[in-house]
Amino acid sequence: MTRFTKITPPKATRRRPQRRNRLPDRWLLQDAKARFSELVRRVHSDGPQRVTVHGRDEVVVIAAEEFRRLKGNPTGEALITAMRTSPHRDVDIEPRRTTMPVRKVAL
């Protein structure tokens, strides 16, 4: 009696999808979430890091120091300067004050 053995093809190995040649300052959202500590380290060592969703830039992660520099000091000085240099600075913008009628309520 001859025995036949069934030859099975090797199991398909689960491969990670091949990533395109990623730029060093670009992160896929899932990678940024999974390796957030590394993302923060790279912000400090290499500068701003971009996070992409579906191939489009969505956010840029920057250092807090850089954010404060870009945001400026929120003192309101720019608004005061703009109001002082306005050609309409003599316009009265005070609200009119009127007394409101008082209703008597029976108890």
Protein backbone atom coordinates (compact mmCIF):
# COMPACT_ATOMS: atom_id res chain seq x y z
CA MET A 1 0.00 0.00 0.00
CA THR A 2 1.40 3.34 -1.04
CA ARG A 3 0.85 6.31 1.13
CA PHE A 4 0.32 9.69 -0.43
CA THR A 5 1.11 12.73 1.62
CA LYS A 6 -0.65 15.92 0.88
CA ILE A 7 1.73 18.75 0.17
CA THR A 8 0.47 22.00 1.61
CA PRO A 9 1.83 25.33 0.56
CA PRO A 10 3.59 27.28 3.29
CA LYS A 11 1.36 29.47 5.39
CA ALA A 12 1.16 33.03 4.30
CA THR A 13 3.03 35.16 6.76
CA ARG A 14 1.41 38.30 7.93
CA ARG A 15 3.48 41.14 6.59
CA ARG A 16 3.29 44.71 7.66
CA PRO A 17 2.21 46.98 4.86
CA GLN A 18 5.19 48.46 3.12
CA ARG A 19 5.54 52.06 4.13
CA ARG A 20 6.49 54.59 1.55
CA ASN A 21 9.74 56.36 2.00
CA ARG A 22 8.63 58.58 4.89
CA LEU A 23 10.23 61.94 5.46
CA PRO A 24 12.01 62.18 8.82
CA ASP A 25 9.72 64.93 10.13
CA ARG A 26 6.42 63.27 9.06
CA TRP A 27 4.45 60.80 11.15
CA LEU A 28 1.37 58.76 10.37
CA LEU A 29 -1.23 59.38 13.05
CA GLN A 30 -1.13 55.77 14.27
CA ASP A 31 2.68 55.90 14.56
CA ALA A 32 2.56 59.24 16.38
CA LYS A 33 0.10 57.79 18.89
CA ALA A 34 2.08 54.60 19.38
CA ARG A 35 5.46 56.36 19.72
CA PHE A 36 4.46 59.67 21.29
CA SER A 37 7.52 59.85 23.56
CA GLU A 38 9.81 59.54 20.56
CA LEU A 39 7.78 62.20 18.73
CA VAL A 40 8.29 64.62 21.63
CA ARG A 41 12.04 63.87 21.74
CA ARG A 42 12.30 64.54 18.01
CA VAL A 43 10.51 67.87 18.39
CA HIS A 44 13.27 68.97 20.78
CA SER A 45 16.14 67.53 18.76
CA ASP A 46 15.01 67.94 15.12
CA GLY A 47 12.37 70.67 15.24
CA PRO A 48 8.67 70.66 14.32
CA GLN A 49 7.12 67.29 13.45
CA ARG A 50 4.14 66.88 11.10
CA VAL A 51 1.39 64.34 11.72
CA THR A 52 -0.53 63.13 8.68
CA VAL A 53 -3.99 61.63 8.35
CA HIS A 54 -4.86 59.91 5.07
CA GLY A 55 -1.70 61.34 3.51
CA ARG A 56 -2.49 64.99 4.33
CA ASP A 57 -0.78 67.12 6.95
CA GLU A 58 -3.23 67.64 9.82
CA VAL A 59 -1.17 68.99 12.72
CA VAL A 60 2.35 70.11 13.48
CA VAL A 61 3.82 69.38 16.89
CA ILE A 62 6.15 72.12 18.12
CA ALA A 63 7.97 72.80 21.37
CA ALA A 64 6.15 74.88 23.99
CA GLU A 65 8.90 77.49 23.86
CA GLU A 66 8.38 77.91 20.10
CA PHE A 67 4.60 78.09 20.59
CA ARG A 68 4.97 80.90 23.16
CA ARG A 69 7.27 82.78 20.80
CA LEU A 70 4.81 82.50 17.91
CA LYS A 71 1.75 83.23 20.02
CA GLY A 72 3.24 86.33 21.61
CA ASN A 73 2.48 87.84 24.96
CA PRO A 74 -1.30 88.21 25.41
CA THR A 75 -1.20 91.65 27.03
CA GLY A 76 -3.70 93.38 24.78
CA GLU A 77 -1.08 95.97 23.85
CA ALA A 78 -1.77 95.48 20.12
CA LEU A 79 -5.46 96.30 20.63
CA ILE A 80 -4.66 99.41 22.68
CA THR A 81 -2.19 100.60 20.03
CA ALA A 82 -4.72 100.01 17.25
CA MET A 83 -7.39 101.97 19.11
CA ARG A 84 -5.02 104.87 19.80
CA THR A 85 -3.96 105.13 16.15
CA SER A 86 -7.51 104.80 14.80
CA PRO A 87 -8.88 107.82 12.92
CA HIS A 88 -12.18 107.23 14.76
CA ARG A 89 -10.86 107.46 18.29
CA ASP A 90 -13.14 110.39 19.13
CA VAL A 91 -16.26 108.22 18.66
CA ASP A 92 -18.08 107.68 21.93
CA ILE A 93 -18.57 103.96 22.50
CA GLU A 94 -19.97 104.18 26.00
CA PRO A 95 -23.23 102.27 26.32
CA ARG A 96 -26.34 104.28 27.09
CA ARG A 97 -27.57 103.69 30.57
CA THR A 98 -31.29 103.63 31.07
CA THR A 99 -33.31 102.58 34.06
CA MET A 100 -35.44 99.56 33.60
CA PRO A 101 -39.09 99.66 34.68
CA VAL A 102 -39.86 97.75 37.83
CA ARG A 103 -42.98 95.60 37.98
CA LYS A 104 -44.76 95.16 41.23
CA VAL A 105 -45.67 91.59 41.99
CA ALA A 106 -48.58 90.83 44.30
CA LEU A 107 -47.78 88.40 47.03
